[in-house]
Each structure stands twice: as C-alpha cells, then as structure tokens.
Amino acid sequence: LIVHIAEPGDINRIAREIPSAAQTLLHAFWPGPLTMIL
C-alpha cells in the first residue's frame, strides 16, 4: 500500500533513510503524483 502524507517532513516519521535524490524529488514534485520507495 502507498502511505499518503500531508507535509514533506512527515517522510521522516516512516522512512529510515532519505537519500539526496529523494530530497531533490520531493522538492520538485510534491505535492503531486510521484510515489517514492524508501
């Protein structure tokens, strides 16, 4: 299942590691139709 969040910072609650590519993509495409696997 995909976990839906409402603030970019919520990613820290559920992801153990957040690579720089994830940071770049969330700033570019969130909120929006992109799901990241972490």
Full PDB file with SEQRES, HELIX, SHEET, SSBOND, CRYST1, ORIGX, SCALE, CONECT and MASTER records, all heavy atoms in Angstrom:
SEQRES   1 A   38  LEU ILE VAL HIS ILE ALA GLU PRO GLY ASP ILE ASN ARG          
SEQRES   2 A   38  ILE ALA ARG GLU ILE PRO SER ALA ALA GLN THR LEU LEU          
SEQRES   3 A   38  HIS ALA PHE TRP PRO GLY PRO LEU THR MET ILE LEU              
HELIX    1 AA1 PRO A    8  ASP A   10  5                                   3    
HELIX    2 AA2 ILE A   11  ILE A   14  1                                   4    
HELIX    3 AA3 SER A   20  PHE A   29  1                                  10    
CRYST1    1.000    1.000    1.000  90.00  90.00  90.00 P 1           1          
ORIGX1      1.000000  0.000000  0.000000        0.00000                         
ORIGX2      0.000000  1.000000  0.000000        0.00000                         
ORIGX3      0.000000  0.000000  1.000000        0.00000                         
SCALE1      1.000000  0.000000  0.000000        0.00000                         
SCALE2      0.000000  1.000000  0.000000        0.00000                         
SCALE3      0.000000  0.000000  1.000000        0.00000                         
ATOM      1  N   LEU A   1       0.845  -1.189   0.000  1.00  0.00           N  
ATOM      2  CA  LEU A   1       0.000   0.000   0.000  1.00  0.00           C  
ATOM      3  C   LEU A   1       0.883   1.242   0.000  1.00  0.00           C  
ATOM      4  O   LEU A   1       2.010   1.216   0.501  1.00  0.00           O  
ATOM      5  CB  LEU A   1      -0.906   0.015   1.242  1.00  0.00           C  
ATOM      6  CG  LEU A   1      -1.751  -1.231   1.487  1.00  0.00           C  
ATOM      7  CD1 LEU A   1      -2.518  -1.081   2.804  1.00  0.00           C  
ATOM      8  CD2 LEU A   1      -2.711  -1.476   0.327  1.00  0.00           C  
ATOM      9  N   ILE A   2       0.368   2.336  -0.553  1.00  0.00           N  
ATOM     10  CA  ILE A   2       1.087   3.614  -0.555  1.00  0.00           C  
ATOM     11  C   ILE A   2       0.634   4.439   0.644  1.00  0.00           C  
ATOM     12  O   ILE A   2      -0.566   4.586   0.893  1.00  0.00           O  
ATOM     13  CB  ILE A   2       0.840   4.380  -1.863  1.00  0.00           C  
ATOM     14  CG1 ILE A   2       1.449   3.625  -3.051  1.00  0.00           C  
ATOM     15  CG2 ILE A   2       1.417   5.800  -1.784  1.00  0.00           C  
ATOM     16  CD1 ILE A   2       1.131   4.243  -4.401  1.00  0.00           C  
ATOM     17  N   VAL A   3       1.601   4.982   1.372  1.00  0.00           N  
ATOM     18  CA  VAL A   3       1.301   5.848   2.508  1.00  0.00           C  
ATOM     19  C   VAL A   3       1.240   7.288   2.022  1.00  0.00           C  
ATOM     20  O   VAL A   3       2.199   7.802   1.431  1.00  0.00           O  
ATOM     21  CB  VAL A   3       2.356   5.705   3.614  1.00  0.00           C  
ATOM     22  CG1 VAL A   3       2.025   6.644   4.777  1.00  0.00           C  
ATOM     23  CG2 VAL A   3       2.424   4.259   4.099  1.00  0.00           C  
ATOM     24  N   HIS A   4       0.111   7.946   2.279  1.00  0.00           N  
ATOM     25  CA  HIS A   4      -0.093   9.333   1.864  1.00  0.00           C  
ATOM     26  C   HIS A   4       0.156  10.262   3.050  1.00  0.00           C  
ATOM     27  O   HIS A   4      -0.390  10.055   4.140  1.00  0.00           O  
ATOM     28  CB  HIS A   4      -1.522   9.524   1.344  1.00  0.00           C  
ATOM     29  CG  HIS A   4      -1.774   8.821   0.034  1.00  0.00           C  
ATOM     30  ND1 HIS A   4      -1.714   7.458  -0.098  1.00  0.00           N  
ATOM     31  CD2 HIS A   4      -2.086   9.313  -1.197  1.00  0.00           C  
ATOM     32  CE1 HIS A   4      -1.974   7.123  -1.351  1.00  0.00           C  
ATOM     33  NE2 HIS A   4      -2.196   8.225  -2.030  1.00  0.00           N  
ATOM     34  N   ILE A   5       0.971  11.281   2.807  1.00  0.00           N  
ATOM     35  CA  ILE A   5       1.326  12.243   3.846  1.00  0.00           C  
ATOM     36  C   ILE A   5       0.885  13.637   3.410  1.00  0.00           C  
ATOM     37  O   ILE A   5       0.575  13.859   2.241  1.00  0.00           O  
ATOM     38  CB  ILE A   5       2.826  12.216   4.149  1.00  0.00           C  
ATOM     39  CG1 ILE A   5       3.635  12.657   2.914  1.00  0.00           C  
ATOM     40  CG2 ILE A   5       3.257  10.802   4.577  1.00  0.00           C  
ATOM     41  CD1 ILE A   5       5.153  12.713   3.148  1.00  0.00           C  
ATOM     42  N   ALA A   6       0.882  14.579   4.366  1.00  0.00           N  
ATOM     43  CA  ALA A   6       0.409  15.932   4.055  1.00  0.00           C  
ATOM     44  C   ALA A   6       1.481  16.994   4.174  1.00  0.00           C  
ATOM     45  O   ALA A   6       1.265  18.134   3.763  1.00  0.00           O  
ATOM     46  CB  ALA A   6      -0.775  16.296   4.966  1.00  0.00           C  
ATOM     47  N   GLU A   7       2.614  16.635   4.728  1.00  0.00           N  
ATOM     48  CA  GLU A   7       3.732  17.563   4.856  1.00  0.00           C  
ATOM     49  C   GLU A   7       5.011  16.840   4.441  1.00  0.00           C  
ATOM     50  O   GLU A   7       5.195  15.677   4.814  1.00  0.00           O  
ATOM     51  CB  GLU A   7       3.885  18.064   6.297  1.00  0.00           C  
ATOM     52  CG  GLU A   7       2.650  18.729   6.878  1.00  0.00           C  
ATOM     53  CD  GLU A   7       2.289  20.039   6.195  1.00  0.00           C  
ATOM     54  OE1 GLU A   7       3.185  20.621   5.531  1.00  0.00           O  
ATOM     55  OE2 GLU A   7       1.137  20.478   6.335  1.00  0.00           O  
ATOM     56  N   PRO A   8       5.904  17.487   3.686  1.00  0.00           N  
ATOM     57  CA  PRO A   8       7.142  16.806   3.304  1.00  0.00           C  
ATOM     58  C   PRO A   8       7.899  16.236   4.493  1.00  0.00           C  
ATOM     59  O   PRO A   8       8.505  15.160   4.402  1.00  0.00           O  
ATOM     60  CB  PRO A   8       7.939  17.909   2.608  1.00  0.00           C  
ATOM     61  CG  PRO A   8       6.913  18.852   2.075  1.00  0.00           C  
ATOM     62  CD  PRO A   8       5.806  18.843   3.096  1.00  0.00           C  
ATOM     63  N   GLY A   9       7.846  16.932   5.632  1.00  0.00           N  
ATOM     64  CA  GLY A   9       8.568  16.463   6.813  1.00  0.00           C  
ATOM     65  C   GLY A   9       8.048  15.153   7.369  1.00  0.00           C  
ATOM     66  O   GLY A   9       8.761  14.465   8.120  1.00  0.00           O  
ATOM     67  N   ASP A  10       6.810  14.775   7.014  1.00  0.00           N  
ATOM     68  CA  ASP A  10       6.251  13.510   7.504  1.00  0.00           C  
ATOM     69  C   ASP A  10       7.033  12.305   7.007  1.00  0.00           C  
ATOM     70  O   ASP A  10       6.935  11.215   7.584  1.00  0.00           O  
ATOM     71  CB  ASP A  10       4.790  13.374   7.068  1.00  0.00           C  
ATOM     72  CG  ASP A  10       3.857  14.308   7.822  1.00  0.00           C  
ATOM     73  OD1 ASP A  10       4.242  14.756   8.922  1.00  0.00           O  
ATOM     74  OD2 ASP A  10       2.757  14.591   7.312  1.00  0.00           O  
ATOM     75  N   ILE A  11       7.805  12.493   5.935  1.00  0.00           N  
ATOM     76  CA  ILE A  11       8.607  11.392   5.411  1.00  0.00           C  
ATOM     77  C   ILE A  11       9.588  10.880   6.472  1.00  0.00           C  
ATOM     78  O   ILE A  11       9.915   9.679   6.510  1.00  0.00           O  
ATOM     79  CB  ILE A  11       9.349  11.846   4.126  1.00  0.00           C  
ATOM     80  CG1 ILE A  11       9.895  10.656   3.347  1.00  0.00           C  
ATOM     81  CG2 ILE A  11      10.454  12.824   4.443  1.00  0.00           C  
ATOM     82  CD1 ILE A  11      10.468  11.050   1.985  1.00  0.00           C  
ATOM     83  N   ASN A  12      10.012  11.775   7.354  1.00  0.00           N  
ATOM     84  CA  ASN A  12      10.967  11.382   8.398  1.00  0.00           C  
ATOM     85  C   ASN A  12      10.347  10.454   9.434  1.00  0.00           C  
ATOM     86  O   ASN A  12      11.071   9.733  10.135  1.00  0.00           O  
ATOM     87  CB  ASN A  12      11.513  12.637   9.098  1.00  0.00           C  
ATOM     88  CG  ASN A  12      12.289  13.529   8.157  1.00  0.00           C  
ATOM     89  OD1 ASN A  12      13.367  13.179   7.702  1.00  0.00           O  
ATOM     90  ND2 ASN A  12      11.736  14.691   7.836  1.00  0.00           N  
ATOM     91  N   ARG A  13       9.025  10.454   9.529  1.00  0.00           N  
ATOM     92  CA  ARG A  13       8.356   9.598  10.510  1.00  0.00           C  
ATOM     93  C   ARG A  13       8.366   8.133  10.097  1.00  0.00           C  
ATOM     94  O   ARG A  13       8.272   7.245  10.950  1.00  0.00           O  
ATOM     95  CB  ARG A  13       6.911  10.057  10.711  1.00  0.00           C  
ATOM     96  CG  ARG A  13       6.772  11.436  11.300  1.00  0.00           C  
ATOM     97  CD  ARG A  13       5.314  11.886  11.324  1.00  0.00           C  
ATOM     98  NE  ARG A  13       4.459  10.937  12.041  1.00  0.00           N  
ATOM     99  CZ  ARG A  13       3.133  11.051  12.116  1.00  0.00           C  
ATOM    100  NH1 ARG A  13       2.521  12.058  11.497  1.00  0.00           N  
ATOM    101  NH2 ARG A  13       2.428  10.166  12.789  1.00  0.00           N  
ATOM    102  N   ILE A  14       8.461   7.874   8.792  1.00  0.00           N  
ATOM    103  CA  ILE A  14       8.268   6.500   8.331  1.00  0.00           C  
ATOM    104  C   ILE A  14       9.418   5.942   7.496  1.00  0.00           C  
ATOM    105  O   ILE A  14       9.493   4.729   7.298  1.00  0.00           O  
ATOM    106  CB  ILE A  14       6.949   6.381   7.537  1.00  0.00           C  
ATOM    107  CG1 ILE A  14       6.877   7.418   6.413  1.00  0.00           C  
ATOM    108  CG2 ILE A  14       5.762   6.519   8.463  1.00  0.00           C  
ATOM    109  CD1 ILE A  14       5.612   7.322   5.570  1.00  0.00           C  
ATOM    110  N   ALA A  15      10.304   6.817   7.002  1.00  0.00           N  
ATOM    111  CA  ALA A  15      11.433   6.355   6.187  1.00  0.00           C  
ATOM    112  C   ALA A  15      12.707   6.322   7.028  1.00  0.00           C  
ATOM    113  O   ALA A  15      13.044   7.302   7.700  1.00  0.00           O  
ATOM    114  CB  ALA A  15      11.637   7.244   4.974  1.00  0.00           C  
ATOM    115  N   ARG A  16      13.418   5.187   6.985  1.00  0.00           N  
ATOM    116  CA  ARG A  16      14.638   5.023   7.761  1.00  0.00           C  
ATOM    117  C   ARG A  16      15.799   5.787   7.153  1.00  0.00           C  
ATOM    118  O   ARG A  16      16.671   6.295   7.863  1.00  0.00           O  
ATOM    119  CB  ARG A  16      14.972   3.530   7.849  1.00  0.00           C  
ATOM    120  CG  ARG A  16      16.084   3.187   8.825  1.00  0.00           C  
ATOM    121  CD  ARG A  16      16.265   1.685   8.983  1.00  0.00           C  
ATOM    122  NE  ARG A  16      16.802   1.050   7.783  1.00  0.00           N  
ATOM    123  CZ  ARG A  16      16.111   0.255   6.969  1.00  0.00           C  
ATOM    124  NH1 ARG A  16      14.832  -0.007   7.202  1.00  0.00           N  
ATOM    125  NH2 ARG A  16      16.690  -0.302   5.910  1.00  0.00           N  
ATOM    126  N   GLU A  17      15.825   5.846   5.816  1.00  0.00           N  
ATOM    127  CA  GLU A  17      16.877   6.575   5.111  1.00  0.00           C  
ATOM    128  C   GLU A  17      16.224   7.431   4.032  1.00  0.00           C  
ATOM    129  O   GLU A  17      15.289   6.992   3.365  1.00  0.00           O  
ATOM    130  CB  GLU A  17      17.864   5.602   4.460  1.00  0.00           C  
ATOM    131  CG  GLU A  17      18.581   4.693   5.424  1.00  0.00           C  
ATOM    132  CD  GLU A  17      19.415   3.654   4.708  1.00  0.00           C  
ATOM    133  OE1 GLU A  17      19.701   3.855   3.499  1.00  0.00           O  
ATOM    134  OE2 GLU A  17      19.757   2.630   5.318  1.00  0.00           O  
ATOM    135  N   ILE A  18      16.735   8.641   3.875  1.00  0.00           N  
ATOM    136  CA  ILE A  18      16.210   9.553   2.861  1.00  0.00           C  
ATOM    137  C   ILE A  18      17.389  10.053   2.035  1.00  0.00           C  
ATOM    138  O   ILE A  18      18.068  11.020   2.413  1.00  0.00           O  
ATOM    139  CB  ILE A  18      15.452  10.734   3.493  1.00  0.00           C  
ATOM    140  CG1 ILE A  18      14.370  10.210   4.447  1.00  0.00           C  
ATOM    141  CG2 ILE A  18      14.810  11.605   2.410  1.00  0.00           C  
ATOM    142  CD1 ILE A  18      13.742  11.272   5.298  1.00  0.00           C  
ATOM    143  N   PRO A  19      17.665   9.409   0.909  1.00  0.00           N  
ATOM    144  CA  PRO A  19      18.819   9.813   0.103  1.00  0.00           C  
ATOM    145  C   PRO A  19      18.616  11.191  -0.510  1.00  0.00           C  
ATOM    146  O   PRO A  19      17.496  11.716  -0.571  1.00  0.00           O  
ATOM    147  CB  PRO A  19      18.878   8.728  -0.976  1.00  0.00           C  
ATOM    148  CG  PRO A  19      17.497   8.192  -1.063  1.00  0.00           C  
ATOM    149  CD  PRO A  19      16.929   8.282   0.322  1.00  0.00           C  
ATOM    150  N   SER A  20      19.700  11.759  -0.991  1.00  0.00           N  
ATOM    151  CA  SER A  20      19.635  13.110  -1.569  1.00  0.00           C  
ATOM    152  C   SER A  20      18.703  13.143  -2.769  1.00  0.00           C  
ATOM    153  O   SER A  20      18.026  14.155  -3.011  1.00  0.00           O  
ATOM    154  CB  SER A  20      21.033  13.576  -1.966  1.00  0.00           C  
ATOM    155  OG  SER A  20      21.614  12.684  -2.920  1.00  0.00           O  
ATOM    156  N   ALA A  21      18.629  12.039  -3.534  1.00  0.00           N  
ATOM    157  CA  ALA A  21      17.719  12.008  -4.682  1.00  0.00           C  
ATOM    158  C   ALA A  21      16.272  12.167  -4.230  1.00  0.00           C  
ATOM    159  O   ALA A  21      15.475  12.838  -4.895  1.00  0.00           O  
ATOM    160  CB  ALA A  21      17.889  10.695  -5.457  1.00  0.00           C  
ATOM    161  N   ALA A  22      15.920  11.577  -3.092  1.00  0.00           N  
ATOM    162  CA  ALA A  22      14.564  11.716  -2.572  1.00  0.00           C  
ATOM    163  C   ALA A  22      14.269  13.157  -2.177  1.00  0.00           C  
ATOM    164  O   ALA A  22      13.182  13.684  -2.436  1.00  0.00           O  
ATOM    165  CB  ALA A  22      14.355  10.780  -1.385  1.00  0.00           C  
ATOM    166  N   GLN A  23      15.253  13.798  -1.546  1.00  0.00           N  
ATOM    167  CA  GLN A  23      15.083  15.202  -1.170  1.00  0.00           C  
ATOM    168  C   GLN A  23      14.867  16.066  -2.411  1.00  0.00           C  
ATOM    169  O   GLN A  23      14.001  16.951  -2.436  1.00  0.00           O  
ATOM    170  CB  GLN A  23      16.309  15.680  -0.390  1.00  0.00           C  
ATOM    171  CG  GLN A  23      16.520  15.010   0.941  1.00  0.00           C  
ATOM    172  CD  GLN A  23      15.574  15.518   2.018  1.00  0.00           C  
ATOM    173  OE1 GLN A  23      14.742  16.387   1.785  1.00  0.00           O  
ATOM    174  NE2 GLN A  23      15.695  14.969   3.217  1.00  0.00           N  
ATOM    175  N   THR A  24      15.649  15.806  -3.442  1.00  0.00           N  
ATOM    176  CA  THR A  24      15.515  16.571  -4.680  1.00  0.00           C  
ATOM    177  C   THR A  24      14.137  16.371  -5.296  1.00  0.00           C  
ATOM    178  O   THR A  24      13.476  17.330  -5.717  1.00  0.00           O  
ATOM    179  CB  THR A  24      16.598  16.142  -5.690  1.00  0.00           C  
ATOM    180  OG1 THR A  24      17.889  16.412  -5.138  1.00  0.00           O  
ATOM    181  CG2 THR A  24      16.443  16.884  -7.010  1.00  0.00           C  
ATOM    182  N   LEU A  25      13.678  15.134  -5.346  1.00  0.00           N  
ATOM    183  CA  LEU A  25      12.398  14.834  -5.992  1.00  0.00           C  
ATOM    184  C   LEU A  25      11.219  15.366  -5.194  1.00  0.00           C  
ATOM    185  O   LEU A  25      10.238  15.847  -5.779  1.00  0.00           O  
ATOM    186  CB  LEU A  25      12.259  13.320  -6.205  1.00  0.00           C  
ATOM    187  CG  LEU A  25      13.235  12.712  -7.221  1.00  0.00           C  
ATOM    188  CD1 LEU A  25      13.044  11.203  -7.295  1.00  0.00           C  
ATOM    189  CD2 LEU A  25      13.057  13.337  -8.599  1.00  0.00           C  
ATOM    190  N   LEU A  26      11.273  15.291  -3.886  1.00  0.00           N  
ATOM    191  CA  LEU A  26      10.130  15.792  -3.118  1.00  0.00           C  
ATOM    192  C   LEU A  26      10.010  17.304  -3.251  1.00  0.00           C  
ATOM    193  O   LEU A  26       8.891  17.845  -3.304  1.00  0.00           O  
ATOM    194  CB  LEU A  26      10.202  15.333  -1.662  1.00  0.00           C  
ATOM    195  CG  LEU A  26      11.200  15.945  -0.678  1.00  0.00           C  
ATOM    196  CD1 LEU A  26      10.690  17.235  -0.058  1.00  0.00           C  
ATOM    197  CD2 LEU A  26      11.506  14.936   0.438  1.00  0.00           C  
ATOM    198  N   HIS A  27      11.147  18.001  -3.343  1.00  0.00           N  
ATOM    199  CA  HIS A  27      11.083  19.455  -3.542  1.00  0.00           C  
ATOM    200  C   HIS A  27      10.560  19.787  -4.948  1.00  0.00           C  
ATOM    201  O   HIS A  27       9.890  20.800  -5.138  1.00  0.00           O  
ATOM    202  CB  HIS A  27      12.461  20.087  -3.322  1.00  0.00           C  
ATOM    203  CG  HIS A  27      12.874  20.159  -1.893  1.00  0.00           C  
ATOM    204  ND1 HIS A  27      12.171  20.871  -0.945  1.00  0.00           N  
ATOM    205  CD2 HIS A  27      13.926  19.584  -1.234  1.00  0.00           C  
ATOM    206  CE1 HIS A  27      12.762  20.755   0.234  1.00  0.00           C  
ATOM    207  NE2 HIS A  27      13.830  19.976   0.086  1.00  0.00           N  
ATOM    208  N   ALA A  28      10.858  18.924  -5.916  1.00  0.00           N  
ATOM    209  CA  ALA A  28      10.452  19.187  -7.296  1.00  0.00           C  
ATOM    210  C   ALA A  28       9.005  18.803  -7.573  1.00  0.00           C  
ATOM    211  O   ALA A  28       8.305  19.493  -8.329  1.00  0.00           O  
ATOM    212  CB  ALA A  28      11.370  18.443  -8.263  1.00  0.00           C  
ATOM    213  N   PHE A  29       8.517  17.710  -6.980  1.00  0.00           N  
ATOM    214  CA  PHE A  29       7.251  17.137  -7.428  1.00  0.00           C  
ATOM    215  C   PHE A  29       6.190  16.952  -6.348  1.00  0.00           C  
ATOM    216  O   PHE A  29       5.081  16.519  -6.658  1.00  0.00           O  
ATOM    217  CB  PHE A  29       7.515  15.778  -8.093  1.00  0.00           C  
ATOM    218  CG  PHE A  29       8.397  15.857  -9.298  1.00  0.00           C  
ATOM    219  CD1 PHE A  29       9.658  15.284  -9.308  1.00  0.00           C  
ATOM    220  CD2 PHE A  29       7.984  16.552 -10.435  1.00  0.00           C  
ATOM    221  CE1 PHE A  29      10.478  15.357 -10.423  1.00  0.00           C  
ATOM    222  CE2 PHE A  29       8.787  16.641 -11.558  1.00  0.00           C  
ATOM    223  CZ  PHE A  29      10.038  16.043 -11.556  1.00  0.00           C  
ATOM    224  N   TRP A  30       6.489  17.252  -5.094  1.00  0.00           N  
ATOM    225  CA  TRP A  30       5.470  17.152  -4.048  1.00  0.00           C  
ATOM    226  C   TRP A  30       4.953  18.534  -3.684  1.00  0.00           C  
ATOM    227  O   TRP A  30       5.741  19.477  -3.616  1.00  0.00           O  
ATOM    228  CB  TRP A  30       6.060  16.496  -2.812  1.00  0.00           C  
ATOM    229  CG  TRP A  30       6.134  14.993  -2.889  1.00  0.00           C  
ATOM    230  CD1 TRP A  30       5.825  14.190  -3.943  1.00  0.00           C  
ATOM    231  CD2 TRP A  30       6.577  14.132  -1.836  1.00  0.00           C  
ATOM    232  NE1 TRP A  30       6.050  12.884  -3.619  1.00  0.00           N  
ATOM    233  CE2 TRP A  30       6.508  12.816  -2.338  1.00  0.00           C  
ATOM    234  CE3 TRP A  30       7.030  14.338  -0.522  1.00  0.00           C  
ATOM    235  CZ2 TRP A  30       6.875  11.709  -1.559  1.00  0.00           C  
ATOM    236  CZ3 TRP A  30       7.384  13.252   0.242  1.00  0.00           C  
ATOM    237  CH2 TRP A  30       7.304  11.949  -0.269  1.00  0.00           C  
ATOM    238  N   PRO A  31       3.664  18.684  -3.441  1.00  0.00           N  
ATOM    239  CA  PRO A  31       2.638  17.650  -3.614  1.00  0.00           C  
ATOM    240  C   PRO A  31       2.418  17.335  -5.089  1.00  0.00           C  
ATOM    241  O   PRO A  31       2.468  18.234  -5.937  1.00  0.00           O  
ATOM    242  CB  PRO A  31       1.401  18.254  -2.963  1.00  0.00           C  
ATOM    243  CG  PRO A  31       1.603  19.723  -3.061  1.00  0.00           C  
ATOM    244  CD  PRO A  31       3.084  19.942  -2.951  1.00  0.00           C  
ATOM    245  N   GLY A  32       2.162  16.069  -5.390  1.00  0.00           N  
ATOM    246  CA  GLY A  32       1.956  15.681  -6.777  1.00  0.00           C  
ATOM    247  C   GLY A  32       1.988  14.178  -6.959  1.00  0.00           C  
ATOM    248  O   GLY A  32       2.166  13.421  -6.002  1.00  0.00           O  
ATOM    249  N   PRO A  33       1.827  13.718  -8.203  1.00  0.00           N  
ATOM    250  CA  PRO A  33       1.630  12.301  -8.494  1.00  0.00           C  
ATOM    251  C   PRO A  33       2.932  11.502  -8.603  1.00  0.00           C  
ATOM    252  O   PRO A  33       3.192  10.836  -9.602  1.00  0.00           O  
ATOM    253  CB  PRO A  33       0.884  12.328  -9.826  1.00  0.00           C  
ATOM    254  CG  PRO A  33       1.384  13.558 -10.506  1.00  0.00           C  
ATOM    255  CD  PRO A  33       1.609  14.557  -9.407  1.00  0.00           C  
ATOM    256  N   LEU A  34       3.763  11.582  -7.558  1.00  0.00           N  
ATOM    257  CA  LEU A  34       5.001  10.820  -7.513  1.00  0.00           C  
ATOM    258  C   LEU A  34       5.088  10.079  -6.189  1.00  0.00           C  
ATOM    259  O   LEU A  34       4.978  10.683  -5.119  1.00  0.00           O  
ATOM    260  CB  LEU A  34       6.224  11.737  -7.647  1.00  0.00           C  
ATOM    261  CG  LEU A  34       7.572  11.005  -7.564  1.00  0.00           C  
ATOM    262  CD1 LEU A  34       7.779  10.112  -8.791  1.00  0.00           C  
ATOM    263  CD2 LEU A  34       8.727  12.003  -7.431  1.00  0.00           C  
ATOM    264  N   THR A  35       5.280   8.755  -6.281  1.00  0.00           N  
ATOM    265  CA  THR A  35       5.471   7.905  -5.104  1.00  0.00           C  
ATOM    266  C   THR A  35       6.922   7.450  -5.067  1.00  0.00           C  
ATOM    267  O   THR A  35       7.462   7.001  -6.081  1.00  0.00           O  
ATOM    268  CB  THR A  35       4.539   6.687  -5.166  1.00  0.00           C  
ATOM    269  OG1 THR A  35       3.177   7.130  -5.085  1.00  0.00           O  
ATOM    270  CG2 THR A  35       4.828   5.715  -4.031  1.00  0.00           C  
ATOM    271  N   MET A  36       7.541   7.549  -3.880  1.00  0.00           N  
ATOM    272  CA  MET A  36       8.929   7.120  -3.716  1.00  0.00           C  
ATOM    273  C   MET A  36       8.991   5.905  -2.792  1.00  0.00           C  
ATOM    274  O   MET A  36       8.344   5.881  -1.745  1.00  0.00           O  
ATOM    275  CB  MET A  36       9.771   8.266  -3.159  1.00  0.00           C  
ATOM    276  CG  MET A  36       9.921   9.427  -4.132  1.00  0.00           C  
ATOM    277  SD  MET A  36      11.151  10.658  -3.601  1.00  0.00           S  
ATOM    278  CE  MET A  36      10.251  11.497  -2.291  1.00  0.00           C  
ATOM    279  N   ILE A  37       9.791   4.907  -3.189  1.00  0.00           N  
ATOM    280  CA  ILE A  37      10.040   3.728  -2.366  1.00  0.00           C  
ATOM    281  C   ILE A  37      11.320   3.953  -1.583  1.00  0.00           C  
ATOM    282  O   ILE A  37      12.387   4.203  -2.165  1.00  0.00           O  
ATOM    283  CB  ILE A  37      10.198   2.461  -3.223  1.00  0.00           C  
ATOM    284  CG1 ILE A  37       8.988   2.265  -4.144  1.00  0.00           C  
ATOM    285  CG2 ILE A  37      10.436   1.239  -2.340  1.00  0.00           C  
ATOM    286  CD1 ILE A  37       7.740   1.855  -3.460  1.00  0.00           C  
ATOM    287  N   LEU A  38      11.227   3.854  -0.236  1.00  0.00           N  
ATOM    288  CA  LEU A  38      12.370   4.084   0.649  1.00  0.00           C  
ATOM    289  C   LEU A  38      12.400   3.016   1.738  1.00  0.00           C  
ATOM    290  O   LEU A  38      11.374   2.367   2.007  1.00  0.00           O  
ATOM    291  CB  LEU A  38      12.257   5.470   1.297  1.00  0.00           C  
ATOM    292  CG  LEU A  38      12.292   6.687   0.348  1.00  0.00           C  
ATOM    293  CD1 LEU A  38      11.926   7.948   1.104  1.00  0.00           C  
ATOM    294  CD2 LEU A  38      13.667   6.806  -0.295  1.00  0.00           C  
TER     295      LEU A  38                                                      
MASTER        0    0    0    3    0    0    0    6  294    1    0    3          
END                                                                             
